[in-house]
Protein backbone atom coordinates (compact mmCIF):
# COMPACT_ATOMS: atom_id res chain seq x y z
CA MET A 1 48.44 -33.20 -43.66
CA THR A 2 48.31 -29.34 -43.10
CA LYS A 3 46.38 -28.31 -40.16
CA VAL A 4 44.92 -24.97 -39.80
CA LEU A 5 43.20 -22.73 -36.14
CA ALA A 6 40.38 -20.46 -37.28
CA LEU A 7 38.91 -17.94 -35.22
CA PHE A 8 35.12 -19.14 -34.89
CA SER A 9 32.32 -16.81 -34.46
CA GLY A 10 29.80 -18.95 -36.04
CA GLY A 11 28.69 -15.91 -38.59
CA LEU A 12 28.82 -15.78 -41.87
CA ASP A 13 32.43 -14.64 -42.70
CA SER A 14 33.97 -17.17 -40.23
CA ILE A 15 32.25 -20.05 -41.88
CA LEU A 16 32.45 -19.59 -45.00
CA ALA A 17 36.52 -19.21 -44.27
CA VAL A 18 36.27 -22.19 -43.17
CA LYS A 19 35.17 -23.38 -46.13
CA LEU A 20 37.60 -21.86 -48.81
CA ILE A 21 40.54 -23.82 -45.86
CA GLN A 22 38.87 -27.11 -46.17
CA ALA A 23 37.89 -26.71 -49.60
CA GLN A 24 42.17 -27.22 -50.24
CA LYS A 25 41.85 -30.73 -48.06
CA ILE A 26 43.51 -28.60 -44.88
CA ASP A 27 42.04 -29.94 -41.26
CA VAL A 28 40.73 -26.59 -39.84
CA ILE A 29 39.80 -26.62 -35.91
CA GLY A 30 37.71 -23.87 -35.03
CA ILE A 31 38.27 -21.69 -31.98
CA SER A 32 35.78 -18.84 -30.35
CA PHE A 33 36.23 -17.13 -27.00
CA THR A 34 33.22 -15.70 -23.76
CA SER A 35 32.73 -13.14 -21.50
CA PRO A 36 30.87 -11.61 -20.57
CA PHE A 37 29.81 -9.06 -23.23
CA PHE A 38 29.29 -11.95 -25.55
CA SER A 39 29.27 -15.92 -25.78
CA ALA A 40 30.23 -18.73 -28.44
CA ASP A 41 26.82 -20.27 -28.28
CA MET A 42 26.78 -19.55 -32.29
CA ALA A 43 29.48 -20.40 -33.20
CA GLN A 44 29.31 -24.20 -31.29
CA LYS A 45 25.88 -24.45 -32.72
CA ALA A 46 27.37 -23.57 -36.44
CA ALA A 47 30.38 -26.04 -35.47
CA LEU A 48 28.20 -28.36 -34.85
CA ASP A 49 26.42 -27.97 -38.10
CA SER A 50 29.59 -28.03 -40.13
CA ASN A 51 31.15 -31.12 -38.37
CA LEU A 52 33.80 -28.58 -37.21
CA PRO A 53 36.13 -29.33 -33.79
CA LEU A 54 35.99 -26.26 -31.60
CA GLN A 55 38.15 -25.25 -28.99
CA ILE A 56 36.43 -22.64 -26.19
CA ILE A 57 38.27 -19.76 -24.62
CA ASP A 58 36.95 -17.33 -21.82
CA ILE A 59 39.09 -14.28 -21.99
CA THR A 60 36.97 -11.99 -19.49
CA ASN A 61 40.72 -10.92 -17.84
CA GLU A 62 42.04 -10.06 -20.41
CA LEU A 63 39.54 -8.32 -22.15
CA LEU A 64 38.52 -6.61 -18.80
CA GLU A 65 42.05 -5.29 -18.87
CA ILE A 66 42.06 -3.94 -22.71
CA ILE A 67 38.17 -2.15 -21.59
CA LYS A 68 40.25 -0.53 -19.09
CA ALA A 69 42.84 1.07 -21.25
CA PRO A 70 42.49 0.03 -25.45
CA LYS A 71 46.35 0.47 -27.00
CA HIS A 72 44.39 1.90 -30.37
CA GLY A 73 41.02 3.58 -28.56
CA TYR A 74 37.76 2.50 -28.74
CA GLY A 75 34.63 2.10 -31.54
CA ARG A 76 31.66 4.13 -31.00
CA PHE A 77 30.92 3.19 -27.39
CA MET A 78 33.49 0.81 -24.99
CA ASN A 79 34.60 -1.94 -27.87
CA PRO A 80 38.36 -2.29 -28.20
CA CYS A 81 37.75 -4.43 -31.58
CA ILE A 82 41.19 -3.96 -33.09
CA ASP A 83 42.87 -4.76 -29.70
CA CYS A 84 40.13 -7.19 -28.98
CA HIS A 85 40.59 -8.90 -31.82
CA ALA A 86 44.31 -8.98 -31.89
CA LEU A 87 43.86 -10.30 -27.86
CA MET A 88 41.69 -13.05 -30.35
CA ALA A 89 44.49 -13.73 -32.61
CA ARG A 90 47.11 -13.80 -30.30
CA LYS A 91 45.78 -16.44 -27.94
CA ALA A 92 44.64 -19.00 -30.64
CA GLY A 93 48.62 -18.27 -32.13
CA SER A 94 50.17 -19.47 -28.48
CA LEU A 95 48.21 -22.45 -29.43
CA LEU A 96 49.77 -24.06 -32.45
CA GLY A 97 52.43 -25.86 -31.17
CA GLU A 98 50.47 -27.48 -29.05
CA MET A 99 47.92 -28.02 -31.30
CA GLY A 100 50.30 -28.86 -34.18
CA ALA A 101 48.61 -26.65 -36.44
CA SER A 102 51.08 -23.94 -39.11
CA PHE A 103 49.38 -21.24 -39.41
CA VAL A 104 45.93 -18.62 -38.04
CA VAL A 105 43.00 -17.96 -40.57
CA THR A 106 39.80 -15.50 -40.06
CA GLY A 107 37.31 -14.07 -40.90
CA GLU A 108 37.27 -10.68 -41.77
CA VAL A 109 36.99 -9.56 -44.73
CA LEU A 110 39.12 -5.88 -45.77
CA GLY A 111 36.65 -2.86 -45.30
CA GLU A 112 33.65 -4.41 -44.48
CA ARG A 113 34.07 -2.28 -41.07
CA PRO A 114 35.66 0.90 -41.83
CA LYS A 115 37.64 1.10 -38.60
CA SER A 116 38.36 -2.17 -37.10
CA GLN A 117 38.86 -4.04 -40.89
CA ASN A 118 40.62 -1.35 -42.96
CA LYS A 119 43.88 -1.96 -44.00
CA ASP A 120 46.33 -0.08 -41.36
CA ALA A 121 43.84 -2.60 -38.80
CA LEU A 122 44.68 -5.99 -39.69
CA GLY A 123 48.51 -5.16 -39.87
CA VAL A 124 47.99 -3.55 -36.41
CA VAL A 125 46.41 -7.21 -35.43
CA ALA A 126 48.65 -9.13 -37.46
CA LYS A 127 51.99 -7.35 -35.71
CA GLN A 128 50.37 -7.44 -32.24
CA SER A 129 49.39 -10.45 -32.20
CA GLY A 130 52.38 -11.91 -33.06
CA LEU A 131 50.88 -13.69 -36.69
CA LYS A 132 51.94 -11.52 -38.99
CA GLY A 133 52.51 -13.21 -42.47
CA TYR A 134 50.91 -16.07 -40.30
CA LEU A 135 47.23 -14.83 -40.01
CA LEU A 136 45.35 -15.32 -43.04
CA ARG A 137 42.29 -13.95 -44.05
CA PRO A 138 40.56 -15.85 -46.73
CA LEU A 139 37.72 -13.57 -47.97
CA SER A 140 39.85 -11.32 -48.64
CA ALA A 141 43.23 -12.49 -49.07
CA LYS A 142 44.07 -11.12 -52.99
CA LEU A 143 44.09 -7.48 -51.95
CA LEU A 144 46.68 -8.94 -49.34
CA GLU A 145 50.09 -8.72 -48.92
CA PRO A 146 50.87 -13.03 -49.11
CA THR A 147 51.04 -14.61 -46.09
CA VAL A 148 54.30 -17.07 -45.24
CA PRO A 149 51.50 -20.45 -45.92
CA GLU A 150 50.42 -18.80 -49.20
CA GLU A 151 54.53 -18.60 -50.22
CA LYS A 152 54.88 -21.77 -49.18
CA GLY A 153 52.17 -23.47 -50.86
CA LEU A 154 50.75 -24.31 -48.23
CA VAL A 155 47.72 -22.99 -49.21
CA ASP A 156 47.13 -22.18 -53.33
CA ARG A 157 46.18 -17.87 -53.34
CA GLU A 158 44.75 -18.76 -56.03
CA LYS A 159 41.40 -20.45 -54.65
CA LEU A 160 41.12 -17.56 -52.21
CA MET A 161 39.31 -14.77 -52.21
CA GLY A 162 39.37 -10.69 -52.83
CA ILE A 163 36.31 -9.41 -50.89
CA ARG A 164 35.91 -5.64 -49.97
CA GLY A 165 33.32 -3.25 -48.23
CA ARG A 166 30.28 -3.92 -46.84
CA SER A 167 28.11 -5.37 -49.15
CA ARG A 168 27.22 -9.02 -48.45
CA LYS A 169 25.94 -10.09 -51.71
CA PRO A 170 29.34 -11.77 -52.57
CA GLN A 171 29.34 -13.77 -49.44
CA LEU A 172 25.85 -14.68 -49.64
CA ALA A 173 27.23 -15.85 -53.62
CA LEU A 174 29.78 -17.56 -51.90
CA ALA A 175 27.09 -19.50 -49.78
CA LYS A 176 25.37 -20.66 -52.06
CA GLN A 177 28.37 -22.30 -54.17
CA PHE A 178 29.15 -24.30 -50.88
CA GLY A 179 25.12 -24.99 -50.32
CA ILE A 180 25.39 -23.51 -46.63
CA SER A 181 21.44 -22.26 -46.76
CA ASP A 182 21.41 -21.78 -42.62
CA PHE A 183 23.10 -19.35 -41.31
CA PRO A 184 22.44 -15.67 -38.97
CA THR A 185 21.74 -12.65 -39.46
CA PRO A 186 24.69 -10.15 -39.39
CA ALA A 187 25.03 -8.21 -36.11
CA GLY A 188 27.82 -7.52 -34.25
CA GLY A 189 27.12 -9.88 -31.44
CA CYS A 190 29.19 -8.12 -28.39
CA LEU A 191 27.17 -6.04 -26.11
CA LEU A 192 30.26 -3.81 -25.90
CA THR A 193 28.70 -2.33 -29.21
CA GLU A 194 25.47 -0.96 -26.80
CA GLU A 195 25.24 2.40 -25.91
CA LYS A 196 23.23 1.05 -22.75
CA ILE A 197 25.82 -1.70 -21.72
CA SER A 198 28.68 1.31 -22.01
CA LEU A 199 26.85 3.75 -19.35
CA ARG A 200 26.47 0.61 -17.30
CA LEU A 201 30.05 -0.65 -17.90
CA ARG A 202 32.02 2.81 -17.03
CA ASP A 203 29.89 3.58 -14.10
CA LEU A 204 31.06 0.25 -12.98
CA LEU A 205 34.39 1.05 -13.65
CA GLU A 206 34.60 4.50 -12.09
CA GLU A 207 33.34 2.16 -8.94
CA LYS A 208 35.54 -0.56 -9.26
CA GLU A 209 38.54 -0.60 -10.74
CA ASN A 210 38.56 -4.82 -10.70
CA PRO A 211 34.40 -5.89 -10.84
CA SER A 212 34.05 -9.41 -10.48
CA SER A 213 32.71 -11.76 -14.06
CA ASN A 214 29.20 -11.42 -11.95
CA ASP A 215 29.18 -7.22 -11.97
CA LEU A 216 30.59 -7.52 -15.86
CA LEU A 217 27.15 -10.24 -16.29
CA LEU A 218 24.84 -8.55 -14.56
CA LEU A 219 25.28 -5.55 -16.49
CA LYS A 220 23.34 -7.26 -18.95
CA TRP A 221 19.67 -7.60 -17.03
CA GLY A 222 17.18 -5.03 -15.37
CA ARG A 223 17.11 -1.05 -15.06
CA HIS A 224 20.09 0.29 -12.97
CA PHE A 225 20.15 3.04 -11.11
CA ARG A 226 22.56 4.45 -8.46
CA SER A 227 21.03 5.63 -4.95
CA SER A 228 21.70 9.40 -2.97
CA GLU A 229 24.73 7.34 -1.50
CA GLY A 230 26.04 6.02 -4.58
CA ILE A 231 24.75 2.33 -3.98
CA LYS A 232 23.98 0.08 -7.38
CA ILE A 233 20.37 -0.66 -7.63
CA VAL A 234 19.11 -3.28 -10.73
CA VAL A 235 15.38 -3.69 -10.72
CA SER A 236 14.13 -6.23 -13.73
CA ARG A 237 12.40 -4.79 -16.03
CA GLN A 238 10.06 -7.98 -16.92
CA GLU A 239 9.36 -11.44 -14.97
CA SER A 240 12.20 -13.59 -17.03
CA GLU A 241 14.78 -11.19 -15.29
CA ASN A 242 13.89 -12.33 -11.96
CA SER A 243 15.72 -15.45 -12.56
CA GLU A 244 18.53 -13.59 -13.70
CA LEU A 245 18.99 -11.25 -10.96
CA VAL A 246 18.45 -14.37 -8.19
CA ARG A 247 20.56 -16.69 -9.94
CA LEU A 248 23.33 -13.34 -9.91
CA LEU A 249 22.61 -12.56 -6.10
CA GLN A 250 25.95 -12.46 -4.03
CA PRO A 251 26.35 -13.36 -0.49
CA ASP A 252 26.32 -9.33 0.82
CA ASP A 253 23.63 -8.19 -1.73
CA LEU A 254 19.77 -7.59 -1.12
CA MET A 255 16.78 -8.53 -2.58
CA PHE A 256 13.26 -6.82 -2.19
CA GLN A 257 10.01 -7.58 -3.48
CA VAL A 258 7.04 -6.32 -2.77
CA ALA A 259 4.86 -8.14 -0.60
CA GLY A 260 1.79 -9.58 -2.36
CA PHE A 261 1.51 -8.23 -5.84
CA PRO A 262 3.58 -8.48 -8.37
CA GLY A 263 6.50 -7.13 -9.95
CA PRO A 264 10.23 -6.72 -10.46
CA ARG A 265 13.11 -7.91 -7.25
CA VAL A 266 15.47 -5.57 -7.00
CA LEU A 267 19.26 -6.05 -6.38
CA VAL A 268 21.09 -3.65 -4.13
CA ARG A 269 24.83 -4.33 -4.64
CA GLY A 270 27.37 -2.83 -2.71
CA ASP A 271 29.44 -0.96 0.81
CA LYS A 272 28.32 0.15 3.26
CA ILE A 273 24.23 0.34 2.38
CA GLY A 274 22.96 2.88 4.47
CA LYS A 275 19.06 3.72 5.37
CA ALA A 276 18.33 6.60 2.36
CA SER A 277 19.83 3.52 -0.14
CA LEU A 278 17.49 1.13 1.59
CA LEU A 279 14.30 3.12 1.85
CA GLU A 280 15.00 3.79 -1.93
CA ALA A 281 15.14 0.14 -3.22
CA ALA A 282 11.99 -0.29 -1.45
CA LEU A 283 10.61 2.41 -3.05
CA LEU A 284 11.98 1.75 -6.70
CA ALA A 285 10.03 -2.13 -6.33
CA ALA A 286 7.19 -0.57 -5.42
CA ARG A 287 7.06 1.68 -8.19
CA TYR A 288 7.53 -1.18 -11.04
CA SER A 289 5.08 -3.09 -9.10
CA LYS A 290 1.17 -3.43 -9.55
CA ALA A 291 1.12 -1.33 -6.00
CA ARG A 292 2.58 1.52 -7.12
CA GLY A 293 -0.62 3.68 -6.37
CA ILE A 294 -1.43 2.03 -3.62
CA ASP A 295 -0.66 4.69 -0.33
CA GLU A 296 1.57 1.93 1.55
CA VAL A 297 3.01 -0.88 0.47
CA ALA A 298 5.63 -3.16 2.28
CA VAL A 299 8.73 -4.61 0.70
CA PHE A 300 10.77 -7.56 2.19
CA TYR A 301 13.89 -7.93 1.53
CA ARG A 302 17.09 -10.26 2.74
CA SER A 303 20.69 -10.50 2.31
CA GLY A 304 21.69 -13.31 -0.32
CA ASN A 305 22.82 -15.54 2.42
CA ASP A 306 19.88 -15.52 4.54
CA ALA A 307 16.39 -16.75 4.01
CA LYS A 308 15.17 -14.20 6.86
CA SER A 309 13.22 -11.72 5.26
CA ALA A 310 12.99 -7.89 7.13
CA GLU A 311 10.11 -5.38 5.92
CA ILE A 312 9.25 -1.87 5.33
CA SER A 313 7.00 0.06 4.61
CA VAL A 314 6.55 3.09 1.86
CA LYS A 315 3.97 5.37 1.33
CA ARG A 316 2.37 6.46 -2.24
CA PRO A 317 5.76 5.28 -4.04
CA LEU A 318 4.95 7.22 -7.25
CA ALA A 319 5.09 10.35 -5.89
CA ALA A 320 8.10 9.77 -3.41
CA ILE A 321 9.97 8.42 -6.27
CA GLU A 322 9.83 11.99 -8.34
CA SER A 323 10.33 13.47 -5.04
CA GLU A 324 13.63 16.09 -4.42
CA GLU A 325 14.10 14.12 -1.36
CA HIS A 326 15.29 10.42 -2.57
CA LYS A 327 18.27 12.09 -5.70
CA ILE A 328 18.26 8.63 -7.45
CA SER A 329 20.20 8.72 -10.31
CA LEU A 330 18.88 6.10 -13.57
CA ILE A 331 22.77 5.43 -15.06
CA ASP A 332 20.99 3.84 -18.34
CA SER A 333 19.42 7.75 -19.03
CA GLY A 334 21.45 10.20 -21.15
CA ASN A 335 23.98 9.08 -23.96
CA PHE A 336 27.30 7.97 -23.41
CA LYS A 337 29.80 10.76 -24.63
CA ARG A 338 33.73 10.44 -23.78
CA ALA A 339 35.54 14.27 -23.32
CA SER A 340 38.44 12.31 -24.30
CA ASP A 341 40.17 8.63 -25.71
CA GLU A 342 43.31 9.14 -23.59
CA SER A 343 44.61 6.02 -24.43
CA LYS A 344 44.17 6.40 -27.90
CA LYS A 345 47.62 6.93 -30.06
């Protein structure tokens, strides 16, 4: 029996692409990818529901290098979609021999995303991945050049689709035909398509050329500030984020909390954390706590490798935060803009 690998996100398009191939009595193995910017949770659920074997691959390191200088540029924010798709296809292609598979399938639809799924972009992905002729898009196959598997008769081209554009009607009709009723609503799923995450990531890359996975995961939580000394300060926005900041606390980090009042955890990360940064972190802890209106507030802090706490007393935190004395900047503020996309060719 012919065996293929399918890039599988768990979204409707990838589910339908798999179903079209399985309908031709072809064995399919799903390949999903994970990083700090997207997870394989949706793919795992959909694969379980579809009884589809699934392999999950972490591509954090390769993706980070692409983000720094994507050959084919970014989308609206820091999402290098074309290069990322090529990376995923290339990773799947590298497994063909090992898994005894003949080609790779994706759920891409021609024209569904104007920049990353136009005809030229689909061609770039096939070429850059090293899978030219062996990368099949079942949902739009009839609108694209025949692939080698189609030409060799491994796949019946007439049983594939010719879907184009952003309307979901053809996919919904096909889902009904296959008896699929439980599927996620369309969503990007990738945090790199979000403005706030892109602002934080650009700020991080200006500080660290090679941030850790922990640094990247931290981008998802809280409000992000820079102290007057340029030190990263992250303030949780709600109680559920407190545990996330505690989980990500590193030995050299500091964690702040107001004494005796409900409030956020405040994580401080950076080299050479000075007195100004300590005071400003304490002020932010008090500012976002129930003690914000009190004249004098006690704030405790400790390092990630020490259970013993130290104390800072801050006066009138609301007024102090807004004073000219403390030049605290909110990374999340403003609009994401690039002066130029120098890596785009």
